Amino acid sequence: MDYARAKNKFPTQDIETSYEVNDKQDQANEEELMGIRAERLANILSEIDPDHKAILLMKFQDGFSIKDIMAMTDLNESAVKMRIKRAKTHALETYKTHYQD
């Protein structure tokens, strides 16, 4: 009975499923970010944190791979991916704040 209670007390979630959901949301954010007009994108980039701006420009303007960014920033792969994800999210939040159309 203790085993059954403990199992119900701490429900588990399939790790692969949670990553798939995050990847789909991240891909949707990236597609939305790529659809922003150039002048609006320039305004957004001027307003976000310089670190976020730099990592977005390295990834999307300069076309650097994750490994290239890792070498330039002395961060590990997961840290680079997380910073890119946070930068995209921040840029989209800024966009939605300024352009509510």
PDB file of N, CA and C in Angstrom:
ATOM      1  N   MET A   1       0.817  -1.191   0.000  1.00  0.00           N
ATOM      2  CA  MET A   1       0.000   0.000   0.000  1.00  0.00           C
ATOM      3  C   MET A   1       0.866   1.262   0.000  1.00  0.00           C
ATOM      4  N   ASP A   2       1.978   1.209   0.760  1.00  0.00           N
ATOM      5  CA  ASP A   2       2.873   2.364   0.785  1.00  0.00           C
ATOM      6  C   ASP A   2       3.428   2.658  -0.606  1.00  0.00           C
ATOM      7  N   TYR A   3       3.744   1.604  -1.344  1.00  0.00           N
ATOM      8  CA  TYR A   3       4.275   1.768  -2.691  1.00  0.00           C
ATOM      9  C   TYR A   3       3.239   2.449  -3.589  1.00  0.00           C
ATOM     10  N   ALA A   4       1.985   2.040  -3.484  1.00  0.00           N
ATOM     11  CA  ALA A   4       0.919   2.630  -4.301  1.00  0.00           C
ATOM     12  C   ALA A   4       0.699   4.096  -3.942  1.00  0.00           C
ATOM     13  N   ARG A   5       0.726   4.415  -2.648  1.00  0.00           N
ATOM     14  CA  ARG A   5       0.568   5.812  -2.231  1.00  0.00           C
ATOM     15  C   ARG A   5       1.722   6.677  -2.735  1.00  0.00           C
ATOM     16  N   ALA A   6       2.936   6.176  -2.594  1.00  0.00           N
ATOM     17  CA  ALA A   6       4.108   6.942  -3.028  1.00  0.00           C
ATOM     18  C   ALA A   6       4.073   7.167  -4.530  1.00  0.00           C
ATOM     19  N   LYS A   7       3.637   6.170  -5.264  1.00  0.00           N
ATOM     20  CA  LYS A   7       3.568   6.292  -6.721  1.00  0.00           C
ATOM     21  C   LYS A   7       2.556   7.374  -7.130  1.00  0.00           C
ATOM     22  N   ASN A   8       1.441   7.445  -6.442  1.00  0.00           N
ATOM     23  CA  ASN A   8       0.424   8.449  -6.748  1.00  0.00           C
ATOM     24  C   ASN A   8       0.797   9.828  -6.232  1.00  0.00           C
ATOM     25  N   LYS A   9       1.614   9.877  -5.212  1.00  0.00           N
ATOM     26  CA  LYS A   9       2.005  11.153  -4.607  1.00  0.00           C
ATOM     27  C   LYS A   9       2.923  11.950  -5.532  1.00  0.00           C
ATOM     28  N   PHE A  10       3.783  11.254  -6.254  1.00  0.00           N
ATOM     29  CA  PHE A  10       4.731  11.900  -7.160  1.00  0.00           C
ATOM     30  C   PHE A  10       4.487  11.418  -8.581  1.00  0.00           C
ATOM     31  N   PRO A  11       3.509  12.024  -9.267  1.00  0.00           N
ATOM     32  CA  PRO A  11       3.225  11.572 -10.637  1.00  0.00           C
ATOM     33  C   PRO A  11       4.412  11.866 -11.553  1.00  0.00           C
ATOM     34  N   THR A  12       4.582  10.992 -12.508  1.00  0.00           N
ATOM     35  CA  THR A  12       5.696  11.150 -13.444  1.00  0.00           C
ATOM     36  C   THR A  12       5.168  11.538 -14.814  1.00  0.00           C
ATOM     37  N   GLN A  13       6.063  12.110 -15.607  1.00  0.00           N
ATOM     38  CA  GLN A  13       5.724  12.501 -16.969  1.00  0.00           C
ATOM     39  C   GLN A  13       6.822  11.996 -17.876  1.00  0.00           C
ATOM     40  N   ASP A  14       6.445  11.534 -19.033  1.00  0.00           N
ATOM     41  CA  ASP A  14       7.417  11.054 -19.994  1.00  0.00           C
ATOM     42  C   ASP A  14       8.306  12.209 -20.442  1.00  0.00           C
ATOM     43  N   ILE A  15       9.604  12.061 -20.289  1.00  0.00           N
ATOM     44  CA  ILE A  15      10.546  13.128 -20.601  1.00  0.00           C
ATOM     45  C   ILE A  15      10.499  13.491 -22.083  1.00  0.00           C
ATOM     46  N   GLU A  16      10.420  12.501 -22.941  1.00  0.00           N
ATOM     47  CA  GLU A  16      10.406  12.774 -24.378  1.00  0.00           C
ATOM     48  C   GLU A  16       9.185  13.602 -24.765  1.00  0.00           C
ATOM     49  N   THR A  17       8.058  13.359 -24.142  1.00  0.00           N
ATOM     50  CA  THR A  17       6.847  14.116 -24.444  1.00  0.00           C
ATOM     51  C   THR A  17       7.020  15.578 -24.060  1.00  0.00           C
ATOM     52  N   SER A  18       7.604  15.843 -22.894  1.00  0.00           N
ATOM     53  CA  SER A  18       7.782  17.234 -22.473  1.00  0.00           C
ATOM     54  C   SER A  18       8.752  17.967 -23.387  1.00  0.00           C
ATOM     55  N   TYR A  19       9.794  17.299 -23.862  1.00  0.00           N
ATOM     56  CA  TYR A  19      10.722  17.939 -24.790  1.00  0.00           C
ATOM     57  C   TYR A  19      10.060  18.226 -26.126  1.00  0.00           C
ATOM     58  N   GLU A  20       9.203  17.309 -26.592  1.00  0.00           N
ATOM     59  CA  GLU A  20       8.514  17.527 -27.853  1.00  0.00           C
ATOM     60  C   GLU A  20       7.622  18.758 -27.778  1.00  0.00           C
ATOM     61  N   VAL A  21       6.926  18.933 -26.674  1.00  0.00           N
ATOM     62  CA  VAL A  21       6.062  20.099 -26.499  1.00  0.00           C
ATOM     63  C   VAL A  21       6.895  21.363 -26.514  1.00  0.00           C
ATOM     64  N   ASN A  22       8.023  21.373 -25.785  1.00  0.00           N
ATOM     65  CA  ASN A  22       8.896  22.544 -25.758  1.00  0.00           C
ATOM     66  C   ASN A  22       9.486  22.824 -27.127  1.00  0.00           C
ATOM     67  N   ASP A  23       9.878  21.780 -27.862  1.00  0.00           N
ATOM     68  CA  ASP A  23      10.440  21.966 -29.199  1.00  0.00           C
ATOM     69  C   ASP A  23       9.408  22.539 -30.156  1.00  0.00           C
ATOM     70  N   LYS A  24       8.161  22.079 -30.061  1.00  0.00           N
ATOM     71  CA  LYS A  24       7.114  22.598 -30.937  1.00  0.00           C
ATOM     72  C   LYS A  24       6.851  24.064 -30.643  1.00  0.00           C
ATOM     73  N   GLN A  25       6.810  24.437 -29.367  1.00  0.00           N
ATOM     74  CA  GLN A  25       6.587  25.833 -28.986  1.00  0.00           C
ATOM     75  C   GLN A  25       7.759  26.688 -29.444  1.00  0.00           C
ATOM     76  N   ASP A  26       8.973  26.188 -29.275  1.00  0.00           N
ATOM     77  CA  ASP A  26      10.161  26.929 -29.685  1.00  0.00           C
ATOM     78  C   ASP A  26      10.177  27.121 -31.198  1.00  0.00           C
ATOM     79  N   GLN A  27       9.783  26.097 -31.936  1.00  0.00           N
ATOM     80  CA  GLN A  27       9.738  26.207 -33.401  1.00  0.00           C
ATOM     81  C   GLN A  27       8.668  27.214 -33.830  1.00  0.00           C
ATOM     82  N   ALA A  28       7.544  27.223 -33.145  1.00  0.00           N
ATOM     83  CA  ALA A  28       6.491  28.191 -33.459  1.00  0.00           C
ATOM     84  C   ALA A  28       6.966  29.610 -33.178  1.00  0.00           C
ATOM     85  N   ASN A  29       7.689  29.799 -32.064  1.00  0.00           N
ATOM     86  CA  ASN A  29       8.247  31.112 -31.742  1.00  0.00           C
ATOM     87  C   ASN A  29       9.220  31.569 -32.818  1.00  0.00           C
ATOM     88  N   GLU A  30      10.061  30.650 -33.287  1.00  0.00           N
ATOM     89  CA  GLU A  30      11.049  30.995 -34.308  1.00  0.00           C
ATOM     90  C   GLU A  30      10.368  31.379 -35.615  1.00  0.00           C
ATOM     91  N   GLU A  31       9.326  30.649 -36.006  1.00  0.00           N
ATOM     92  CA  GLU A  31       8.612  30.968 -37.237  1.00  0.00           C
ATOM     93  C   GLU A  31       7.938  32.336 -37.144  1.00  0.00           C
ATOM     94  N   GLU A  32       7.376  32.625 -35.981  1.00  0.00           N
ATOM     95  CA  GLU A  32       6.730  33.926 -35.788  1.00  0.00           C
ATOM     96  C   GLU A  32       7.759  35.046 -35.815  1.00  0.00           C
ATOM     97  N   LEU A  33       8.913  34.808 -35.201  1.00  0.00           N
ATOM     98  CA  LEU A  33       9.979  35.803 -35.179  1.00  0.00           C
ATOM     99  C   LEU A  33      10.492  36.070 -36.590  1.00  0.00           C
ATOM    100  N   MET A  34      10.584  35.041 -37.419  1.00  0.00           N
ATOM    101  CA  MET A  34      11.073  35.205 -38.785  1.00  0.00           C
ATOM    102  C   MET A  34      10.061  35.932 -39.670  1.00  0.00           C
ATOM    103  N   GLY A  35       8.803  35.948 -39.260  1.00  0.00           N
ATOM    104  CA  GLY A  35       7.770  36.610 -40.053  1.00  0.00           C
ATOM    105  C   GLY A  35       7.645  38.106 -39.780  1.00  0.00           C
ATOM    106  N   ILE A  36       8.395  38.625 -38.860  1.00  0.00           N
ATOM    107  CA  ILE A  36       8.315  40.044 -38.508  1.00  0.00           C
ATOM    108  C   ILE A  36       8.998  40.878 -39.590  1.00  0.00           C
ATOM    109  N   ARG A  37       8.386  41.998 -39.945  1.00  0.00           N
ATOM    110  CA  ARG A  37       8.970  42.877 -40.957  1.00  0.00           C
ATOM    111  C   ARG A  37      10.298  43.450 -40.484  1.00  0.00           C
ATOM    112  N   ALA A  38      11.156  43.789 -41.430  1.00  0.00           N
ATOM    113  CA  ALA A  38      12.531  44.205 -41.142  1.00  0.00           C
ATOM    114  C   ALA A  38      12.613  45.427 -40.233  1.00  0.00           C
ATOM    115  N   GLU A  39      11.808  46.444 -40.501  1.00  0.00           N
ATOM    116  CA  GLU A  39      11.915  47.653 -39.675  1.00  0.00           C
ATOM    117  C   GLU A  39      11.435  47.402 -38.252  1.00  0.00           C
ATOM    118  N   ARG A  40      10.408  46.571 -38.124  1.00  0.00           N
ATOM    119  CA  ARG A  40       9.942  46.223 -36.787  1.00  0.00           C
ATOM    120  C   ARG A  40      10.993  45.393 -36.051  1.00  0.00           C
ATOM    121  N   LEU A  41      11.601  44.492 -36.776  1.00  0.00           N
ATOM    122  CA  LEU A  41      12.645  43.661 -36.171  1.00  0.00           C
ATOM    123  C   LEU A  41      13.815  44.514 -35.697  1.00  0.00           C
ATOM    124  N   ALA A  42      14.191  45.507 -36.477  1.00  0.00           N
ATOM    125  CA  ALA A  42      15.278  46.406 -36.074  1.00  0.00           C
ATOM    126  C   ALA A  42      14.907  47.158 -34.800  1.00  0.00           C
ATOM    127  N   ASN A  43      13.655  47.612 -34.696  1.00  0.00           N
ATOM    128  CA  ASN A  43      13.203  48.295 -33.482  1.00  0.00           C
ATOM    129  C   ASN A  43      13.240  47.372 -32.272  1.00  0.00           C
ATOM    130  N   ILE A  44      12.798  46.154 -32.463  1.00  0.00           N
ATOM    131  CA  ILE A  44      12.794  45.192 -31.366  1.00  0.00           C
ATOM    132  C   ILE A  44      14.211  44.886 -30.914  1.00  0.00           C
ATOM    133  N   LEU A  45      15.104  44.659 -31.857  1.00  0.00           N
ATOM    134  CA  LEU A  45      16.491  44.336 -31.510  1.00  0.00           C
ATOM    135  C   LEU A  45      17.180  45.489 -30.788  1.00  0.00           C
ATOM    136  N   SER A  46      16.774  46.715 -31.103  1.00  0.00           N
ATOM    137  CA  SER A  46      17.384  47.852 -30.410  1.00  0.00           C
ATOM    138  C   SER A  46      16.899  47.976 -28.970  1.00  0.00           C
ATOM    139  N   GLU A  47      15.755  47.363 -28.669  1.00  0.00           N
ATOM    140  CA  GLU A  47      15.183  47.485 -27.329  1.00  0.00           C
ATOM    141  C   GLU A  47      15.489  46.315 -26.400  1.00  0.00           C
ATOM    142  N   ILE A  48      15.864  45.156 -26.947  1.00  0.00           N
ATOM    143  CA  ILE A  48      16.098  44.013 -26.065  1.00  0.00           C
ATOM    144  C   ILE A  48      17.514  44.057 -25.496  1.00  0.00           C
ATOM    145  N   ASP A  49      17.746  43.214 -24.535  1.00  0.00           N
ATOM    146  CA  ASP A  49      19.039  43.103 -23.871  1.00  0.00           C
ATOM    147  C   ASP A  49      20.156  42.855 -24.900  1.00  0.00           C
ATOM    148  N   PRO A  50      21.300  43.531 -24.768  1.00  0.00           N
ATOM    149  CA  PRO A  50      22.387  43.355 -25.736  1.00  0.00           C
ATOM    150  C   PRO A  50      22.878  41.904 -25.857  1.00  0.00           C
ATOM    151  N   ASP A  51      22.853  41.154 -24.767  1.00  0.00           N
ATOM    152  CA  ASP A  51      23.261  39.743 -24.842  1.00  0.00           C
ATOM    153  C   ASP A  51      22.282  38.934 -25.691  1.00  0.00           C
ATOM    154  N   HIS A  52      20.988  39.214 -25.522  1.00  0.00           N
ATOM    155  CA  HIS A  52      19.983  38.531 -26.331  1.00  0.00           C
ATOM    156  C   HIS A  52      20.136  38.914 -27.798  1.00  0.00           C
ATOM    157  N   LYS A  53      20.357  40.184 -28.036  1.00  0.00           N
ATOM    158  CA  LYS A  53      20.530  40.663 -29.405  1.00  0.00           C
ATOM    159  C   LYS A  53      21.729  39.984 -30.066  1.00  0.00           C
ATOM    160  N   ALA A  54      22.830  39.917 -29.340  1.00  0.00           N
ATOM    161  CA  ALA A  54      24.057  39.329 -29.897  1.00  0.00           C
ATOM    162  C   ALA A  54      23.857  37.869 -30.272  1.00  0.00           C
ATOM    163  N   ILE A  55      23.226  37.102 -29.388  1.00  0.00           N
ATOM    164  CA  ILE A  55      23.077  35.674 -29.674  1.00  0.00           C
ATOM    165  C   ILE A  55      22.084  35.438 -30.810  1.00  0.00           C
ATOM    166  N   LEU A  56      21.038  36.273 -30.908  1.00  0.00           N
ATOM    167  CA  LEU A  56      20.108  36.150 -32.034  1.00  0.00           C
ATOM    168  C   LEU A  56      20.786  36.488 -33.351  1.00  0.00           C
ATOM    169  N   LEU A  57      21.597  37.531 -33.353  1.00  0.00           N
ATOM    170  CA  LEU A  57      22.296  37.909 -34.579  1.00  0.00           C
ATOM    171  C   LEU A  57      23.311  36.847 -34.994  1.00  0.00           C
ATOM    172  N   MET A  58      24.012  36.270 -34.012  1.00  0.00           N
ATOM    173  CA  MET A  58      24.965  35.202 -34.344  1.00  0.00           C
ATOM    174  C   MET A  58      24.250  34.020 -34.984  1.00  0.00           C
ATOM    175  N   LYS A  59      23.104  33.657 -34.431  1.00  0.00           N
ATOM    176  CA  LYS A  59      22.383  32.481 -34.916  1.00  0.00           C
ATOM    177  C   LYS A  59      21.695  32.727 -36.251  1.00  0.00           C
ATOM    178  N   PHE A  60      20.955  33.830 -36.369  1.00  0.00           N
ATOM    179  CA  PHE A  60      20.095  33.998 -37.533  1.00  0.00           C
ATOM    180  C   PHE A  60      20.660  34.912 -38.620  1.00  0.00           C
ATOM    181  N   GLN A  61      21.398  35.935 -38.261  1.00  0.00           N
ATOM    182  CA  GLN A  61      21.949  36.821 -39.283  1.00  0.00           C
ATOM    183  C   GLN A  61      23.261  36.249 -39.822  1.00  0.00           C
ATOM    184  N   ASP A  62      24.143  35.872 -38.902  1.00  0.00           N
ATOM    185  CA  ASP A  62      25.450  35.387 -39.310  1.00  0.00           C
ATOM    186  C   ASP A  62      25.459  33.901 -39.652  1.00  0.00           C
ATOM    187  N   GLY A  63      24.418  33.177 -39.225  1.00  0.00           N
ATOM    188  CA  GLY A  63      24.297  31.763 -39.573  1.00  0.00           C
ATOM    189  C   GLY A  63      25.243  30.843 -38.832  1.00  0.00           C
ATOM    190  N   PHE A  64      25.706  31.254 -37.659  1.00  0.00           N
ATOM    191  CA  PHE A  64      26.614  30.398 -36.891  1.00  0.00           C
ATOM    192  C   PHE A  64      25.858  29.204 -36.330  1.00  0.00           C
ATOM    193  N   SER A  65      26.537  28.085 -36.261  1.00  0.00           N
ATOM    194  CA  SER A  65      25.951  26.892 -35.657  1.00  0.00           C
ATOM    195  C   SER A  65      26.056  26.986 -34.136  1.00  0.00           C
ATOM    196  N   ILE A  66      25.396  26.077 -33.460  1.00  0.00           N
ATOM    197  CA  ILE A  66      25.462  26.030 -32.002  1.00  0.00           C
ATOM    198  C   ILE A  66      26.912  25.824 -31.561  1.00  0.00           C
ATOM    199  N   LYS A  67      27.630  24.976 -32.266  1.00  0.00           N
ATOM    200  CA  LYS A  67      29.038  24.708 -31.919  1.00  0.00           C
ATOM    201  C   LYS A  67      29.903  25.954 -32.094  1.00  0.00           C
ATOM    202  N   ASP A  68      29.639  26.737 -33.124  1.00  0.00           N
ATOM    203  CA  ASP A  68      30.392  27.986 -33.327  1.00  0.00           C
ATOM    204  C   ASP A  68      30.111  28.965 -32.186  1.00  0.00           C
ATOM    205  N   ILE A  69      28.853  29.072 -31.823  1.00  0.00           N
ATOM    206  CA  ILE A  69      28.480  29.982 -30.731  1.00  0.00           C
ATOM    207  C   ILE A  69      29.080  29.498 -29.418  1.00  0.00           C
ATOM    208  N   MET A  70      29.112  28.171 -29.230  1.00  0.00           N
ATOM    209  CA  MET A  70      29.744  27.611 -28.027  1.00  0.00           C
ATOM    210  C   MET A  70      31.198  28.047 -27.930  1.00  0.00           C
ATOM    211  N   ALA A  71      31.912  27.973 -29.044  1.00  0.00           N
ATOM    212  CA  ALA A  71      33.325  28.334 -29.054  1.00  0.00           C
ATOM    213  C   ALA A  71      33.534  29.823 -28.779  1.00  0.00           C
ATOM    214  N   MET A  72      32.647  30.658 -29.303  1.00  0.00           N
ATOM    215  CA  MET A  72      32.801  32.103 -29.128  1.00  0.00           C
ATOM    216  C   MET A  72      32.421  32.572 -27.726  1.00  0.00           C
ATOM    217  N   THR A  73      31.470  31.897 -27.107  1.00  0.00           N
ATOM    218  CA  THR A  73      30.964  32.363 -25.815  1.00  0.00           C
ATOM    219  C   THR A  73      31.482  31.574 -24.625  1.00  0.00           C
ATOM    220  N   ASP A  74      32.211  30.501 -24.873  1.00  0.00           N
ATOM    221  CA  ASP A  74      32.714  29.620 -23.806  1.00  0.00           C
ATOM    222  C   ASP A  74      31.578  29.056 -22.950  1.00  0.00           C
ATOM    223  N   LEU A  75      30.468  28.727 -23.585  1.00  0.00           N
ATOM    224  CA  LEU A  75      29.334  28.108 -22.906  1.00  0.00           C
ATOM    225  C   LEU A  75      29.157  26.701 -23.448  1.00  0.00           C
ATOM    226  N   ASN A  76      28.464  25.860 -22.672  1.00  0.00           N
ATOM    227  CA  ASN A  76      28.194  24.515 -23.186  1.00  0.00           C
ATOM    228  C   ASN A  76      26.966  24.542 -24.090  1.00  0.00           C
ATOM    229  N   GLU A  77      26.704  23.430 -24.740  1.00  0.00           N
ATOM    230  CA  GLU A  77      25.646  23.363 -25.747  1.00  0.00           C
ATOM    231  C   GLU A  77      24.272  23.696 -25.178  1.00  0.00           C
ATOM    232  N   SER A  78      23.945  23.125 -24.037  1.00  0.00           N
ATOM    233  CA  SER A  78      22.617  23.377 -23.469  1.00  0.00           C
ATOM    234  C   SER A  78      22.455  24.839 -23.064  1.00  0.00           C
ATOM    235  N   ALA A  79      23.517  25.471 -22.584  1.00  0.00           N
ATOM    236  CA  ALA A  79      23.444  26.887 -22.205  1.00  0.00           C
ATOM    237  C   ALA A  79      23.210  27.767 -23.434  1.00  0.00           C
ATOM    238  N   VAL A  80      23.872  27.452 -24.528  1.00  0.00           N
ATOM    239  CA  VAL A  80      23.687  28.224 -25.765  1.00  0.00           C
ATOM    240  C   VAL A  80      22.259  28.069 -26.269  1.00  0.00           C
ATOM    241  N   LYS A  81      21.762  26.835 -26.285  1.00  0.00           N
ATOM    242  CA  LYS A  81      20.391  26.603 -26.745  1.00  0.00           C
ATOM    243  C   LYS A  81      19.377  27.330 -25.872  1.00  0.00           C
ATOM    244  N   MET A  82      19.597  27.305 -24.560  1.00  0.00           N
ATOM    245  CA  MET A  82      18.674  27.971 -23.647  1.00  0.00           C
ATOM    246  C   MET A  82      18.722  29.482 -23.843  1.00  0.00           C
ATOM    247  N   ARG A  83      19.900  30.033 -24.058  1.00  0.00           N
ATOM    248  CA  ARG A  83      20.002  31.484 -24.274  1.00  0.00           C
ATOM    249  C   ARG A  83      19.329  31.899 -25.574  1.00  0.00           C
ATOM    250  N   ILE A  84      19.466  31.077 -26.599  1.00  0.00           N
ATOM    251  CA  ILE A  84      18.787  31.366 -27.865  1.00  0.00           C
ATOM    252  C   ILE A  84      17.278  31.332 -27.655  1.00  0.00           C
ATOM    253  N   LYS A  85      16.801  30.316 -26.941  1.00  0.00           N
ATOM    254  CA  LYS A  85      15.366  30.193 -26.678  1.00  0.00           C
ATOM    255  C   LYS A  85      14.859  31.390 -25.880  1.00  0.00           C
ATOM    256  N   ARG A  86      15.578  31.785 -24.842  1.00  0.00           N
ATOM    257  CA  ARG A  86      15.162  32.933 -24.030  1.00  0.00           C
ATOM    258  C   ARG A  86      15.190  34.220 -24.842  1.00  0.00           C
ATOM    259  N   ALA A  87      16.195  34.370 -25.699  1.00  0.00           N
ATOM    260  CA  ALA A  87      16.298  35.575 -26.518  1.00  0.00           C
ATOM    261  C   ALA A  87      15.128  35.659 -27.494  1.00  0.00           C
ATOM    262  N   LYS A  88      14.758  34.523 -28.103  1.00  0.00           N
ATOM    263  CA  LYS A  88      13.618  34.512 -29.022  1.00  0.00           C
ATOM    264  C   LYS A  88      12.326  34.855 -28.283  1.00  0.00           C
ATOM    265  N   THR A  89      12.159  34.278 -27.109  1.00  0.00           N
ATOM    266  CA  THR A  89      10.963  34.553 -26.317  1.00  0.00           C
ATOM    267  C   THR A  89      10.898  36.020 -25.931  1.00  0.00           C
ATOM    268  N   HIS A  90      12.015  36.567 -25.489  1.00  0.00           N
ATOM    269  CA  HIS A  90      12.063  37.984 -25.097  1.00  0.00           C
ATOM    270  C   HIS A  90      11.760  38.885 -26.294  1.00  0.00           C
ATOM    271  N   ALA A  91      12.326  38.568 -27.438  1.00  0.00           N
ATOM    272  CA  ALA A  91      12.085  39.371 -28.639  1.00  0.00           C
ATOM    273  C   ALA A  91      10.610  39.326 -29.031  1.00  0.00           C
ATOM    274  N   LEU A  92       9.991  38.158 -28.945  1.00  0.00           N
ATOM    275  CA  LEU A  92       8.569  38.045 -29.286  1.00  0.00           C
ATOM    276  C   LEU A  92       7.692  38.790 -28.291  1.00  0.00           C
ATOM    277  N   GLU A  93       8.029  38.745 -27.020  1.00  0.00           N
ATOM    278  CA  GLU A  93       7.267  39.493 -26.018  1.00  0.00           C
ATOM    279  C   GLU A  93       7.367  40.994 -26.284  1.00  0.00           C
ATOM    280  N   THR A  94       8.556  41.462 -26.628  1.00  0.00           N
ATOM    281  CA  THR A  94       8.746  42.871 -26.949  1.00  0.00           C
ATOM    282  C   THR A  94       7.935  43.240 -28.188  1.00  0.00           C
ATOM    283  N   TYR A  95       7.955  42.377 -29.187  1.00  0.00           N
ATOM    284  CA  TYR A  95       7.194  42.610 -30.411  1.00  0.00           C
ATOM    285  C   TYR A  95       5.702  42.727 -30.108  1.00  0.00           C
ATOM    286  N   LYS A  96       5.185  41.784 -29.328  1.00  0.00           N
ATOM    287  CA  LYS A  96       3.753  41.785 -29.022  1.00  0.00           C
ATOM    288  C   LYS A  96       3.359  43.000 -28.186  1.00  0.00           C
ATOM    289  N   THR A  97       4.274  43.481 -27.362  1.00  0.00           N
ATOM    290  CA  THR A  97       4.002  44.674 -26.555  1.00  0.00           C
ATOM    291  C   THR A  97       3.869  45.910 -27.442  1.00  0.00           C
ATOM    292  N   HIS A  98       4.739  46.041 -28.437  1.00  0.00           N
ATOM    293  CA  HIS A  98       4.768  47.241 -29.275  1.00  0.00           C
ATOM    294  C   HIS A  98       3.829  47.186 -30.486  1.00  0.00           C
ATOM    295  N   TYR A  99       3.608  46.000 -31.015  1.00  0.00           N
ATOM    296  CA  TYR A  99       2.823  45.869 -32.235  1.00  0.00           C
ATOM    297  C   TYR A  99       1.660  44.907 -31.992  1.00  0.00           C
ATOM    298  N   GLN A 100       0.587  45.415 -31.522  1.00  0.00           N
ATOM    299  CA  GLN A 100      -0.593  44.615 -31.186  1.00  0.00           C
ATOM    300  C   GLN A 100      -1.556  44.483 -32.356  1.00  0.00           C
ATOM    301  N   ASP A 101      -1.067  44.163 -33.546  1.00  0.00           N
ATOM    302  CA  ASP A 101      -1.981  44.054 -34.697  1.00  0.00           C
ATOM    303  C   ASP A 101      -2.320  42.665 -35.024  1.00  0.00           C
TER     304      ASP A 101
END
